[in-house]
Amino acid sequence: MDYVKFGNTGLDVSPLCLGCMTYGISDRGAHAWTLDEEKSRPLIKQAIELGINFFDTANVYSDGTSEEIVGRALKDFTRRDDVVLATKVFNRMRPGPNGMGLSRKAIMTEVDHSLRRLGTDYIDLYQIHRLDKNTPIEETLEALHDVVKAGKVRYIGASSMYAWQFSKALYTSRLNGWTEFVSMQNHVNLLNREEEREMLPLCADQKIAVMPWSPLARGRLTRAWDEVSERQKTDEFGKTLYVQSEASDRKIVEQVAAVAKTRGVPQAQVAMAWLLQKKGITSPIIGASKPAHLTDAVAALSLKLTSEEISALEAPYVPHAVAGFG
């Protein structure tokens, strides 16, 4: 595994990040398709053995049980200082006022809860899961700066917003001498390329690390368009992402299948290789519920697509309305 610098920092991360939304108690939170701890641990261990040192979870995943499972597994399988551990804050964690959001109170409360669940003294990358439209950005940014200065967090990152909003946040931090966002976790894959218009150029200009979520479009790029997985049946958020341009999306999936057949590799490797070769991408967040999901992702690091193959994969794309935030 060759490691890469995380944006404009000295941090070294694997070019693949294991997304840990898959791991959690299924009747806690909003994800009925998650794997329990017994089934999760071998996959986390496999990722470490493959050289992946970057793990991403969130406080809201399976009502905090994802953080608990990941924290225990990392403690058992590796040294804490050898991994880069990321989590997120914003979504509702309890009913009533102040049970969600990015107020100073919410951030100071939730960072301590995440540290407790993860069983660690510090979080390497603390990310805002979405923007909080009901809290001034100055309040959020100063609170994040303070958790860094308190030693609870090493770096801060953002996720899924408009480029102008991210630019405003970077400028506001710079203006006040606060810790700046070093990463953007956004929605980029062959079925959703809208971030190429504004966000990816902004991140390249500002040397921001980019770690796309759903790089395989919730699995749609890995199988025939009409084939439905168990997760797809119950993934309520996922159902909102790929319903706008099904005709063109189907053609893209068919192109992925054609390239995969010619190369003699699974579709997942082709779709991931396309993303890994895109300028400005640092470490896509991969989901893994089976061992092959990890081995395919690692194999994609060595699969170099030709310019003709890339053109064929991209040709059917049509503009999409923003999906995944707003």
C-alpha atoms as a PDB file:
ATOM      1  CA  MET A   1       0.000   0.000   0.000  1.00  0.00           C
ATOM      2  CA  ASP A   2       1.391   3.390  -1.015  1.00  0.00           C
ATOM      3  CA  TYR A   3       0.240   6.175   1.273  1.00  0.00           C
ATOM      4  CA  VAL A   4      -0.634   9.727   0.253  1.00  0.00           C
ATOM      5  CA  LYS A   5      -0.555  13.115   1.948  1.00  0.00           C
ATOM      6  CA  PHE A   6      -3.909  14.261   3.234  1.00  0.00           C
ATOM      7  CA  GLY A   7      -4.361  17.532   1.403  1.00  0.00           C
ATOM      8  CA  ASN A   8      -2.104  20.325   2.594  1.00  0.00           C
ATOM      9  CA  THR A   9      -1.115  18.488   5.792  1.00  0.00           C
ATOM     10  CA  GLY A  10       1.736  16.200   6.797  1.00  0.00           C
ATOM     11  CA  LEU A  11      -0.712  13.376   7.541  1.00  0.00           C
ATOM     12  CA  ASP A  12      -0.225  10.106   5.621  1.00  0.00           C
ATOM     13  CA  VAL A  13      -3.348   8.121   4.760  1.00  0.00           C
ATOM     14  CA  SER A  14      -4.086   5.082   2.652  1.00  0.00           C
ATOM     15  CA  PRO A  15      -5.630   5.975  -0.743  1.00  0.00           C
ATOM     16  CA  LEU A  16      -8.717   4.072   0.403  1.00  0.00           C
ATOM     17  CA  CYS A  17     -10.710   4.853   3.540  1.00  0.00           C
ATOM     18  CA  LEU A  18     -12.907   2.198   5.152  1.00  0.00           C
ATOM     19  CA  GLY A  19     -16.359   3.636   5.692  1.00  0.00           C
ATOM     20  CA  CYS A  20     -17.845   2.161   8.847  1.00  0.00           C
ATOM     21  CA  MET A  21     -21.538   2.957   8.410  1.00  0.00           C
ATOM     22  CA  THR A  22     -21.874  -0.752   7.575  1.00  0.00           C
ATOM     23  CA  TYR A  23     -20.948  -1.742  11.134  1.00  0.00           C
ATOM     24  CA  GLY A  24     -23.499  -1.268  13.885  1.00  0.00           C
ATOM     25  CA  ILE A  25     -26.492  -2.737  15.693  1.00  0.00           C
ATOM     26  CA  SER A  26     -29.188  -2.969  13.025  1.00  0.00           C
ATOM     27  CA  ASP A  27     -32.160  -2.087  15.243  1.00  0.00           C
ATOM     28  CA  ARG A  28     -30.427   1.066  16.484  1.00  0.00           C
ATOM     29  CA  GLY A  29     -30.592   4.090  14.200  1.00  0.00           C
ATOM     30  CA  ALA A  30     -31.701   4.243  10.572  1.00  0.00           C
ATOM     31  CA  HIS A  31     -29.723   1.452   8.902  1.00  0.00           C
ATOM     32  CA  ALA A  32     -31.453  -1.920   9.086  1.00  0.00           C
ATOM     33  CA  TRP A  33     -28.816  -3.517   6.825  1.00  0.00           C
ATOM     34  CA  THR A  34     -25.799  -3.075   9.115  1.00  0.00           C
ATOM     35  CA  LEU A  35     -23.562  -5.906  10.374  1.00  0.00           C
ATOM     36  CA  ASP A  36     -23.289  -6.717  14.064  1.00  0.00           C
ATOM     37  CA  GLU A  37     -19.967  -6.693  15.910  1.00  0.00           C
ATOM     38  CA  GLU A  38     -19.179 -10.372  15.311  1.00  0.00           C
ATOM     39  CA  LYS A  39     -19.564  -9.959  11.545  1.00  0.00           C
ATOM     40  CA  SER A  40     -17.901  -6.542  11.439  1.00  0.00           C
ATOM     41  CA  ARG A  41     -14.643  -7.354  13.167  1.00  0.00           C
ATOM     42  CA  PRO A  42     -13.178  -9.688  10.494  1.00  0.00           C
ATOM     43  CA  LEU A  43     -13.720  -7.010   7.842  1.00  0.00           C
ATOM     44  CA  ILE A  44     -12.041  -4.311   9.914  1.00  0.00           C
ATOM     45  CA  LYS A  45      -9.154  -6.688  10.565  1.00  0.00           C
ATOM     46  CA  GLN A  46      -8.897  -7.519   6.858  1.00  0.00           C
ATOM     47  CA  ALA A  47      -8.742  -3.827   5.997  1.00  0.00           C
ATOM     48  CA  ILE A  48      -5.834  -3.337   8.401  1.00  0.00           C
ATOM     49  CA  GLU A  49      -4.033  -6.362   6.984  1.00  0.00           C
ATOM     50  CA  LEU A  50      -4.438  -4.939   3.467  1.00  0.00           C
ATOM     51  CA  GLY A  51      -2.701  -1.741   4.581  1.00  0.00           C
ATOM     52  CA  ILE A  52      -5.724   0.521   5.035  1.00  0.00           C
ATOM     53  CA  ASN A  53      -4.985   2.904   7.915  1.00  0.00           C
ATOM     54  CA  PHE A  54      -7.928   5.308   7.443  1.00  0.00           C
ATOM     55  CA  PHE A  55     -11.329   4.642   9.057  1.00  0.00           C
ATOM     56  CA  ASP A  56     -14.421   6.853   8.872  1.00  0.00           C
ATOM     57  CA  THR A  57     -17.525   6.629  11.020  1.00  0.00           C
ATOM     58  CA  ALA A  58     -20.055   9.073  12.555  1.00  0.00           C
ATOM     59  CA  ASN A  59     -21.813   9.588  15.849  1.00  0.00           C
ATOM     60  CA  VAL A  60     -25.198   9.013  14.219  1.00  0.00           C
ATOM     61  CA  TYR A  61     -24.359   5.677  12.576  1.00  0.00           C
ATOM     62  CA  SER A  62     -26.501   3.033  14.269  1.00  0.00           C
ATOM     63  CA  ASP A  63     -27.098   5.345  17.220  1.00  0.00           C
ATOM     64  CA  GLY A  64     -23.430   5.449  18.177  1.00  0.00           C
ATOM     65  CA  THR A  65     -22.867   1.687  18.031  1.00  0.00           C
ATOM     66  CA  SER A  66     -20.712   2.003  14.901  1.00  0.00           C
ATOM     67  CA  GLU A  67     -18.226   4.109  16.867  1.00  0.00           C
ATOM     68  CA  GLU A  68     -18.250   1.550  19.675  1.00  0.00           C
ATOM     69  CA  ILE A  69     -17.635  -1.426  17.366  1.00  0.00           C
ATOM     70  CA  VAL A  70     -14.912   0.365  15.397  1.00  0.00           C
ATOM     71  CA  GLY A  71     -13.175   1.635  18.518  1.00  0.00           C
ATOM     72  CA  ARG A  72     -12.995  -1.819  20.103  1.00  0.00           C
ATOM     73  CA  ALA A  73     -11.820  -3.476  16.882  1.00  0.00           C
ATOM     74  CA  LEU A  74      -9.040  -0.975  16.251  1.00  0.00           C
ATOM     75  CA  LYS A  75      -7.866  -1.318  19.836  1.00  0.00           C
ATOM     76  CA  ASP A  76      -7.637  -5.094  19.434  1.00  0.00           C
ATOM     77  CA  PHE A  77      -6.144  -5.251  15.936  1.00  0.00           C
ATOM     78  CA  THR A  78      -3.636  -2.399  15.743  1.00  0.00           C
ATOM     79  CA  ARG A  79      -1.926   0.424  17.610  1.00  0.00           C
ATOM     80  CA  ARG A  80      -4.012   3.570  17.977  1.00  0.00           C
ATOM     81  CA  ASP A  81      -1.253   5.821  16.674  1.00  0.00           C
ATOM     82  CA  ASP A  82      -0.932   3.738  13.499  1.00  0.00           C
ATOM     83  CA  VAL A  83      -4.461   4.541  12.278  1.00  0.00           C
ATOM     84  CA  VAL A  84      -6.237   7.689  11.196  1.00  0.00           C
ATOM     85  CA  LEU A  85      -9.653   7.698  12.824  1.00  0.00           C
ATOM     86  CA  ALA A  86     -12.397   9.985  11.544  1.00  0.00           C
ATOM     87  CA  THR A  87     -15.895  10.615  12.810  1.00  0.00           C
ATOM     88  CA  LYS A  88     -18.627  13.198  12.261  1.00  0.00           C
ATOM     89  CA  VAL A  89     -21.072  15.457  14.086  1.00  0.00           C
ATOM     90  CA  PHE A  90     -24.364  17.177  13.170  1.00  0.00           C
ATOM     91  CA  ASN A  91     -27.269  14.720  12.979  1.00  0.00           C
ATOM     92  CA  ARG A  92     -29.788  14.158  15.736  1.00  0.00           C
ATOM     93  CA  MET A  93     -28.542  11.990  18.587  1.00  0.00           C
ATOM     94  CA  ARG A  94     -31.396  12.478  21.059  1.00  0.00           C
ATOM     95  CA  PRO A  95     -34.848  14.125  21.120  1.00  0.00           C
ATOM     96  CA  GLY A  96     -35.464  17.651  22.268  1.00  0.00           C
ATOM     97  CA  PRO A  97     -33.547  20.933  21.936  1.00  0.00           C
ATOM     98  CA  ASN A  98     -29.783  20.780  21.443  1.00  0.00           C
ATOM     99  CA  GLY A  99     -29.958  17.105  20.475  1.00  0.00           C
ATOM    100  CA  MET A 100     -28.398  17.820  17.091  1.00  0.00           C
ATOM    101  CA  GLY A 101     -26.649  20.537  15.124  1.00  0.00           C
ATOM    102  CA  LEU A 102     -23.381  22.432  15.184  1.00  0.00           C
ATOM    103  CA  SER A 103     -23.866  24.868  18.040  1.00  0.00           C
ATOM    104  CA  ARG A 104     -21.029  25.261  20.507  1.00  0.00           C
ATOM    105  CA  LYS A 105     -23.035  23.246  23.022  1.00  0.00           C
ATOM    106  CA  ALA A 106     -23.700  20.430  20.558  1.00  0.00           C
ATOM    107  CA  ILE A 107     -20.090  20.162  19.385  1.00  0.00           C
ATOM    108  CA  MET A 108     -18.637  20.235  22.900  1.00  0.00           C
ATOM    109  CA  THR A 109     -21.137  17.593  24.029  1.00  0.00           C
ATOM    110  CA  GLU A 110     -20.880  15.297  21.046  1.00  0.00           C
ATOM    111  CA  VAL A 111     -17.087  15.259  20.751  1.00  0.00           C
ATOM    112  CA  ASP A 112     -16.887  13.903  24.304  1.00  0.00           C
ATOM    113  CA  HIS A 113     -19.540  11.268  23.579  1.00  0.00           C
ATOM    114  CA  SER A 114     -17.659  10.179  20.434  1.00  0.00           C
ATOM    115  CA  LEU A 115     -14.366   9.947  22.335  1.00  0.00           C
ATOM    116  CA  ARG A 116     -16.047   7.777  24.962  1.00  0.00           C
ATOM    117  CA  ARG A 117     -17.664   5.452  22.418  1.00  0.00           C
ATOM    118  CA  LEU A 118     -14.477   5.158  20.345  1.00  0.00           C
ATOM    119  CA  GLY A 119     -12.433   4.484  23.473  1.00  0.00           C
ATOM    120  CA  THR A 120      -9.731   6.966  22.497  1.00  0.00           C
ATOM    121  CA  ASP A 121      -8.189  10.174  23.803  1.00  0.00           C
ATOM    122  CA  TYR A 122      -8.276  11.936  20.451  1.00  0.00           C
ATOM    123  CA  ILE A 123      -9.983  11.945  17.051  1.00  0.00           C
ATOM    124  CA  ASP A 124      -7.715  12.391  14.036  1.00  0.00           C
ATOM    125  CA  LEU A 125     -10.349  13.953  11.754  1.00  0.00           C
ATOM    126  CA  TYR A 126     -13.540  15.499  13.163  1.00  0.00           C
ATOM    127  CA  GLN A 127     -15.982  16.387  10.399  1.00  0.00           C
ATOM    128  CA  ILE A 128     -19.219  18.315  10.204  1.00  0.00           C
ATOM    129  CA  HIS A 129     -21.664  15.852   8.649  1.00  0.00           C
ATOM    130  CA  ARG A 130     -23.727  18.632   7.055  1.00  0.00           C
ATOM    131  CA  LEU A 131     -24.043  22.399   7.491  1.00  0.00           C
ATOM    132  CA  ASP A 132     -26.239  23.647  10.312  1.00  0.00           C
ATOM    133  CA  LYS A 133     -28.365  26.406   8.796  1.00  0.00           C
ATOM    134  CA  ASN A 134     -29.617  27.397  12.241  1.00  0.00           C
ATOM    135  CA  THR A 135     -26.187  28.154  13.733  1.00  0.00           C
ATOM    136  CA  PRO A 136     -23.851  30.972  12.648  1.00  0.00           C
ATOM    137  CA  ILE A 137     -20.838  29.524  10.878  1.00  0.00           C
ATOM    138  CA  GLU A 138     -18.591  31.594  13.175  1.00  0.00           C
ATOM    139  CA  GLU A 139     -19.934  29.777  16.241  1.00  0.00           C
ATOM    140  CA  THR A 140     -19.351  26.383  14.641  1.00  0.00           C
ATOM    141  CA  LEU A 141     -15.849  27.173  13.437  1.00  0.00           C
ATOM    142  CA  GLU A 142     -14.681  28.651  16.737  1.00  0.00           C
ATOM    143  CA  ALA A 143     -16.017  25.622  18.638  1.00  0.00           C
ATOM    144  CA  LEU A 144     -14.158  23.284  16.256  1.00  0.00           C
ATOM    145  CA  HIS A 145     -11.009  25.361  16.723  1.00  0.00           C
ATOM    146  CA  ASP A 146     -11.363  25.015  20.482  1.00  0.00           C
ATOM    147  CA  VAL A 147     -11.703  21.199  20.417  1.00  0.00           C
ATOM    148  CA  VAL A 148      -8.503  21.091  18.363  1.00  0.00           C
ATOM    149  CA  LYS A 149      -6.672  23.349  20.807  1.00  0.00           C
ATOM    150  CA  ALA A 150      -7.976  21.214  23.686  1.00  0.00           C
ATOM    151  CA  GLY A 151      -6.204  18.205  22.150  1.00  0.00           C
ATOM    152  CA  LYS A 152      -9.389  16.248  21.535  1.00  0.00           C
ATOM    153  CA  VAL A 153      -9.140  16.565  17.727  1.00  0.00           C
ATOM    154  CA  ARG A 154      -6.143  16.715  15.371  1.00  0.00           C
ATOM    155  CA  TYR A 155      -7.764  18.001  12.141  1.00  0.00           C
ATOM    156  CA  ILE A 156     -11.239  19.139  11.079  1.00  0.00           C
ATOM    157  CA  GLY A 157     -13.123  18.395   7.878  1.00  0.00           C
ATOM    158  CA  ALA A 158     -16.410  19.152   6.163  1.00  0.00           C
ATOM    159  CA  SER A 159     -18.936  17.240   4.077  1.00  0.00           C
ATOM    160  CA  SER A 160     -21.556  17.807   1.372  1.00  0.00           C
ATOM    161  CA  MET A 161     -22.223  21.491   0.881  1.00  0.00           C
ATOM    162  CA  TYR A 162     -22.111  24.042  -1.927  1.00  0.00           C
ATOM    163  CA  ALA A 163     -18.705  25.298  -2.975  1.00  0.00           C
ATOM    164  CA  TRP A 164     -19.593  28.876  -1.993  1.00  0.00           C
ATOM    165  CA  GLN A 165     -20.465  27.692   1.513  1.00  0.00           C
ATOM    166  CA  PHE A 166     -17.183  25.826   1.857  1.00  0.00           C
ATOM    167  CA  SER A 167     -15.272  28.817   0.516  1.00  0.00           C
ATOM    168  CA  LYS A 168     -17.000  31.043   3.074  1.00  0.00           C
ATOM    169  CA  ALA A 169     -16.037  28.667   5.884  1.00  0.00           C
ATOM    170  CA  LEU A 170     -12.383  28.591   4.793  1.00  0.00           C
ATOM    171  CA  TYR A 171     -12.295  32.379   4.530  1.00  0.00           C
ATOM    172  CA  THR A 172     -13.947  32.870   7.926  1.00  0.00           C
ATOM    173  CA  SER A 173     -11.464  30.560   9.660  1.00  0.00           C
ATOM    174  CA  ARG A 174      -8.552  32.287   7.958  1.00  0.00           C
ATOM    175  CA  LEU A 175      -9.883  35.721   8.879  1.00  0.00           C
ATOM    176  CA  ASN A 176     -10.103  34.809  12.562  1.00  0.00           C
ATOM    177  CA  GLY A 177      -6.978  32.679  12.875  1.00  0.00           C
ATOM    178  CA  TRP A 178      -9.015  29.549  13.616  1.00  0.00           C
ATOM    179  CA  THR A 179      -8.194  25.980  12.607  1.00  0.00           C
ATOM    180  CA  GLU A 180      -9.206  25.448   8.965  1.00  0.00           C
ATOM    181  CA  PHE A 181     -10.980  22.538   7.312  1.00  0.00           C
ATOM    182  CA  VAL A 182      -8.431  20.271   5.638  1.00  0.00           C
ATOM    183  CA  SER A 183     -10.843  17.905   3.891  1.00  0.00           C
ATOM    184  CA  MET A 184     -14.100  17.616   2.004  1.00  0.00           C
ATOM    185  CA  GLN A 185     -16.199  14.454   2.121  1.00  0.00           C
ATOM    186  CA  ASN A 186     -18.567  14.714  -0.829  1.00  0.00           C
ATOM    187  CA  HIS A 187     -20.668  12.735  -3.274  1.00  0.00           C
ATOM    188  CA  VAL A 188     -18.597  11.763  -6.324  1.00  0.00           C
ATOM    189  CA  ASN A 189     -18.983   8.724  -8.565  1.00  0.00           C
ATOM    190  CA  LEU A 190     -19.740   7.889 -12.202  1.00  0.00           C
ATOM    191  CA  LEU A 191     -23.456   8.498 -11.613  1.00  0.00           C
ATOM    192  CA  ASN A 192     -22.973  11.810  -9.821  1.00  0.00           C
ATOM    193  CA  ARG A 193     -20.262  14.079 -11.201  1.00  0.00           C
ATOM    194  CA  GLU A 194     -21.707  17.467 -10.290  1.00  0.00           C
ATOM    195  CA  GLU A 195     -18.860  18.153  -7.849  1.00  0.00           C
ATOM    196  CA  GLU A 196     -16.538  18.439 -10.853  1.00  0.00           C
ATOM    197  CA  ARG A 197     -18.100  21.838 -11.647  1.00  0.00           C
ATOM    198  CA  GLU A 198     -17.182  23.831  -8.539  1.00  0.00           C
ATOM    199  CA  MET A 199     -16.183  21.834  -5.464  1.00  0.00           C
ATOM    200  CA  LEU A 200     -13.340  19.755  -6.896  1.00  0.00           C
ATOM    201  CA  PRO A 201     -11.656  22.776  -8.525  1.00  0.00           C
ATOM    202  CA  LEU A 202     -11.991  24.707  -5.242  1.00  0.00           C
ATOM    203  CA  CYS A 203     -10.435  21.837  -3.287  1.00  0.00           C
ATOM    204  CA  ALA A 204      -7.592  21.540  -5.793  1.00  0.00           C
ATOM    205  CA  ASP A 205      -6.908  25.271  -5.575  1.00  0.00           C
ATOM    206  CA  GLN A 206      -6.931  25.285  -1.763  1.00  0.00           C
ATOM    207  CA  LYS A 207      -5.090  21.923  -1.437  1.00  0.00           C
ATOM    208  CA  ILE A 208      -8.046  20.324   0.358  1.00  0.00           C
ATOM    209  CA  ALA A 209      -8.141  16.519   0.672  1.00  0.00           C
ATOM    210  CA  VAL A 210     -11.149  14.950  -1.072  1.00  0.00           C
ATOM    211  CA  MET A 211     -12.682  11.737   0.289  1.00  0.00           C
ATOM    212  CA  PRO A 212     -15.817  10.877  -1.741  1.00  0.00           C
ATOM    213  CA  TRP A 213     -18.654   8.938  -0.141  1.00  0.00           C
ATOM    214  CA  SER A 214     -20.638   6.324  -2.095  1.00  0.00           C
ATOM    215  CA  PRO A 215     -17.879   5.918  -4.716  1.00  0.00           C
ATOM    216  CA  LEU A 216     -19.738   2.928  -6.180  1.00  0.00           C
ATOM    217  CA  ALA A 217     -23.153   4.641  -6.037  1.00  0.00           C
ATOM    218  CA  ARG A 218     -24.489   2.424  -3.245  1.00  0.00           C
ATOM    219  CA  GLY A 219     -23.467  -0.628  -5.288  1.00  0.00           C
ATOM    220  CA  ARG A 220     -25.346   0.323  -8.424  1.00  0.00           C
ATOM    221  CA  LEU A 221     -22.093   0.515 -10.392  1.00  0.00           C
ATOM    222  CA  THR A 222     -21.117  -3.012  -9.326  1.00  0.00           C
ATOM    223  CA  ARG A 223     -24.008  -4.977 -10.846  1.00  0.00           C
ATOM    224  CA  ALA A 224     -26.637  -4.938 -13.576  1.00  0.00           C
ATOM    225  CA  TRP A 225     -28.996  -1.970 -13.262  1.00  0.00           C
ATOM    226  CA  ASP A 226     -32.066  -4.133 -12.597  1.00  0.00           C
ATOM    227  CA  GLU A 227     -30.327  -6.260  -9.964  1.00  0.00           C
ATOM    228  CA  VAL A 228     -31.290  -5.155  -6.438  1.00  0.00           C
ATOM    229  CA  SER A 229     -29.301  -5.815  -3.266  1.00  0.00           C
ATOM    230  CA  GLU A 230     -30.732  -6.339   0.211  1.00  0.00           C
ATOM    231  CA  ARG A 231     -29.230  -3.041   1.326  1.00  0.00           C
ATOM    232  CA  GLN A 232     -30.840  -1.216  -1.590  1.00  0.00           C
ATOM    233  CA  LYS A 233     -34.265  -2.416  -0.456  1.00  0.00           C
ATOM    234  CA  THR A 234     -33.932  -0.810   2.981  1.00  0.00           C
ATOM    235  CA  ASP A 235     -31.529   2.097   2.384  1.00  0.00           C
ATOM    236  CA  GLU A 236     -34.000   4.987   2.596  1.00  0.00           C
ATOM    237  CA  PHE A 237     -31.391   7.701   2.052  1.00  0.00           C
ATOM    238  CA  GLY A 238     -29.877   5.790  -0.846  1.00  0.00           C
ATOM    239  CA  LYS A 239     -33.260   5.652  -2.550  1.00  0.00           C
ATOM    240  CA  THR A 240     -33.186   9.439  -2.940  1.00  0.00           C
ATOM    241  CA  LEU A 241     -29.821   9.605  -4.715  1.00  0.00           C
ATOM    242  CA  TYR A 242     -30.201   7.854  -8.071  1.00  0.00           C
ATOM    243  CA  VAL A 243     -33.744   8.458  -9.299  1.00  0.00           C
ATOM    244  CA  GLN A 244     -33.337  11.515 -11.525  1.00  0.00           C
ATOM    245  CA  SER A 245     -31.755  10.249 -14.739  1.00  0.00           C
ATOM    246  CA  GLU A 246     -32.221   6.520 -14.782  1.00  0.00           C
ATOM    247  CA  ALA A 247     -31.925   6.193 -18.565  1.00  0.00           C
ATOM    248  CA  SER A 248     -28.464   7.744 -18.710  1.00  0.00           C
ATOM    249  CA  ASP A 249     -27.415   6.117 -15.428  1.00  0.00           C
ATOM    250  CA  ARG A 250     -28.322   2.719 -16.858  1.00  0.00           C
ATOM    251  CA  LYS A 251     -26.128   3.397 -19.903  1.00  0.00           C
ATOM    252  CA  ILE A 252     -23.210   4.276 -17.617  1.00  0.00           C
ATOM    253  CA  VAL A 253     -23.617   1.018 -15.704  1.00  0.00           C
ATOM    254  CA  GLU A 254     -23.693  -0.836 -19.009  1.00  0.00           C
ATOM    255  CA  GLN A 255     -20.440   0.855 -20.040  1.00  0.00           C
ATOM    256  CA  VAL A 256     -18.857  -0.160 -16.729  1.00  0.00           C
ATOM    257  CA  ALA A 257     -19.940  -3.750 -17.419  1.00  0.00           C
ATOM    258  CA  ALA A 258     -18.491  -3.616 -20.942  1.00  0.00           C
ATOM    259  CA  VAL A 259     -15.102  -2.352 -19.757  1.00  0.00           C
ATOM    260  CA  ALA A 260     -15.071  -4.883 -16.927  1.00  0.00           C
ATOM    261  CA  LYS A 261     -15.802  -7.729 -19.328  1.00  0.00           C
ATOM    262  CA  THR A 262     -13.000  -6.655 -21.654  1.00  0.00           C
ATOM    263  CA  ARG A 263     -10.558  -6.336 -18.760  1.00  0.00           C
ATOM    264  CA  GLY A 264     -11.722  -9.536 -17.082  1.00  0.00           C
ATOM    265  CA  VAL A 265     -12.340  -7.851 -13.736  1.00  0.00           C
ATOM    266  CA  PRO A 266     -15.420  -7.135 -11.581  1.00  0.00           C
ATOM    267  CA  GLN A 267     -17.395  -3.964 -12.300  1.00  0.00           C
ATOM    268  CA  ALA A 268     -16.477  -2.615  -8.876  1.00  0.00           C
ATOM    269  CA  GLN A 269     -12.813  -2.427  -9.849  1.00  0.00           C
ATOM    270  CA  VAL A 270     -13.571  -0.439 -13.005  1.00  0.00           C
ATOM    271  CA  ALA A 271     -15.856   2.070 -11.266  1.00  0.00           C
ATOM    272  CA  MET A 272     -13.359   2.553  -8.438  1.00  0.00           C
ATOM    273  CA  ALA A 273     -10.392   2.836 -10.816  1.00  0.00           C
ATOM    274  CA  TRP A 274     -12.197   5.642 -12.659  1.00  0.00           C
ATOM    275  CA  LEU A 275     -12.568   7.595  -9.411  1.00  0.00           C
ATOM    276  CA  LEU A 276      -9.031   6.919  -8.222  1.00  0.00           C
ATOM    277  CA  GLN A 277      -7.646   8.284 -11.492  1.00  0.00           C
ATOM    278  CA  LYS A 278      -9.654  11.503 -11.253  1.00  0.00           C
ATOM    279  CA  LYS A 279      -7.504  14.517 -10.437  1.00  0.00           C
ATOM    280  CA  GLY A 280      -7.835  15.769  -6.883  1.00  0.00           C
ATOM    281  CA  ILE A 281      -9.257  12.619  -5.305  1.00  0.00           C
ATOM    282  CA  THR A 282      -7.391  11.658  -2.128  1.00  0.00           C
ATOM    283  CA  SER A 283      -9.091   8.668  -0.499  1.00  0.00           C
ATOM    284  CA  PRO A 284     -12.544   7.376  -1.498  1.00  0.00           C
ATOM    285  CA  ILE A 285     -14.635   5.964   1.339  1.00  0.00           C
ATOM    286  CA  ILE A 286     -15.370   2.319   0.604  1.00  0.00           C
ATOM    287  CA  GLY A 287     -18.086   0.243   2.218  1.00  0.00           C
ATOM    288  CA  ALA A 288     -17.375  -3.427   2.873  1.00  0.00           C
ATOM    289  CA  SER A 289     -19.868  -6.051   3.967  1.00  0.00           C
ATOM    290  CA  LYS A 290     -17.985  -8.910   2.257  1.00  0.00           C
ATOM    291  CA  PRO A 291     -14.244  -9.669   1.971  1.00  0.00           C
ATOM    292  CA  ALA A 292     -14.381  -9.253  -1.820  1.00  0.00           C
ATOM    293  CA  HIS A 293     -15.451  -5.627  -1.401  1.00  0.00           C
ATOM    294  CA  LEU A 294     -12.072  -4.890   0.164  1.00  0.00           C
ATOM    295  CA  THR A 295      -9.968  -6.954  -2.227  1.00  0.00           C
ATOM    296  CA  ASP A 296     -11.715  -5.376  -5.242  1.00  0.00           C
ATOM    297  CA  ALA A 297     -11.070  -1.879  -3.886  1.00  0.00           C
ATOM    298  CA  VAL A 298      -7.388  -2.587  -3.311  1.00  0.00           C
ATOM    299  CA  ALA A 299      -7.083  -4.201  -6.758  1.00  0.00           C
ATOM    300  CA  ALA A 300      -8.536  -1.034  -8.297  1.00  0.00           C
ATOM    301  CA  LEU A 301      -5.462   0.860  -7.113  1.00  0.00           C
ATOM    302  CA  SER A 302      -3.443  -1.020  -9.743  1.00  0.00           C
ATOM    303  CA  LEU A 303      -6.027  -0.918 -12.531  1.00  0.00           C
ATOM    304  CA  LYS A 304      -5.140   1.922 -14.899  1.00  0.00           C
ATOM    305  CA  LEU A 305      -7.880   2.781 -17.357  1.00  0.00           C
ATOM    306  CA  THR A 306      -7.029   4.105 -20.810  1.00  0.00           C
ATOM    307  CA  SER A 307      -8.234   7.497 -21.973  1.00  0.00           C
ATOM    308  CA  GLU A 308     -10.566   5.694 -24.389  1.00  0.00           C
ATOM    309  CA  GLU A 309     -12.084   3.654 -21.574  1.00  0.00           C
ATOM    310  CA  ILE A 310     -12.548   6.748 -19.433  1.00  0.00           C
ATOM    311  CA  SER A 311     -14.249   8.567 -22.314  1.00  0.00           C
ATOM    312  CA  ALA A 312     -16.590   5.618 -22.859  1.00  0.00           C
ATOM    313  CA  LEU A 313     -17.518   5.538 -19.166  1.00  0.00           C
ATOM    314  CA  GLU A 314     -18.189   9.268 -19.032  1.00  0.00           C
ATOM    315  CA  ALA A 315     -19.976   9.747 -22.363  1.00  0.00           C
ATOM    316  CA  PRO A 316     -23.565   8.869 -21.262  1.00  0.00           C
ATOM    317  CA  TYR A 317     -23.544  11.285 -18.307  1.00  0.00           C
ATOM    318  CA  VAL A 318     -26.123  14.088 -18.182  1.00  0.00           C
ATOM    319  CA  PRO A 319     -26.346  16.915 -15.617  1.00  0.00           C
ATOM    320  CA  HIS A 320     -28.035  16.012 -12.338  1.00  0.00           C
ATOM    321  CA  ALA A 321     -29.723  18.145  -9.718  1.00  0.00           C
ATOM    322  CA  VAL A 322     -27.860  18.233  -6.409  1.00  0.00           C
ATOM    323  CA  ALA A 323     -28.460  15.040  -4.406  1.00  0.00           C
ATOM    324  CA  GLY A 324     -27.265  14.164  -0.930  1.00  0.00           C
ATOM    325  CA  PHE A 325     -27.503  17.564   0.726  1.00  0.00           C
ATOM    326  CA  GLY A 326     -29.245  20.893   0.459  1.00  0.00           C
END
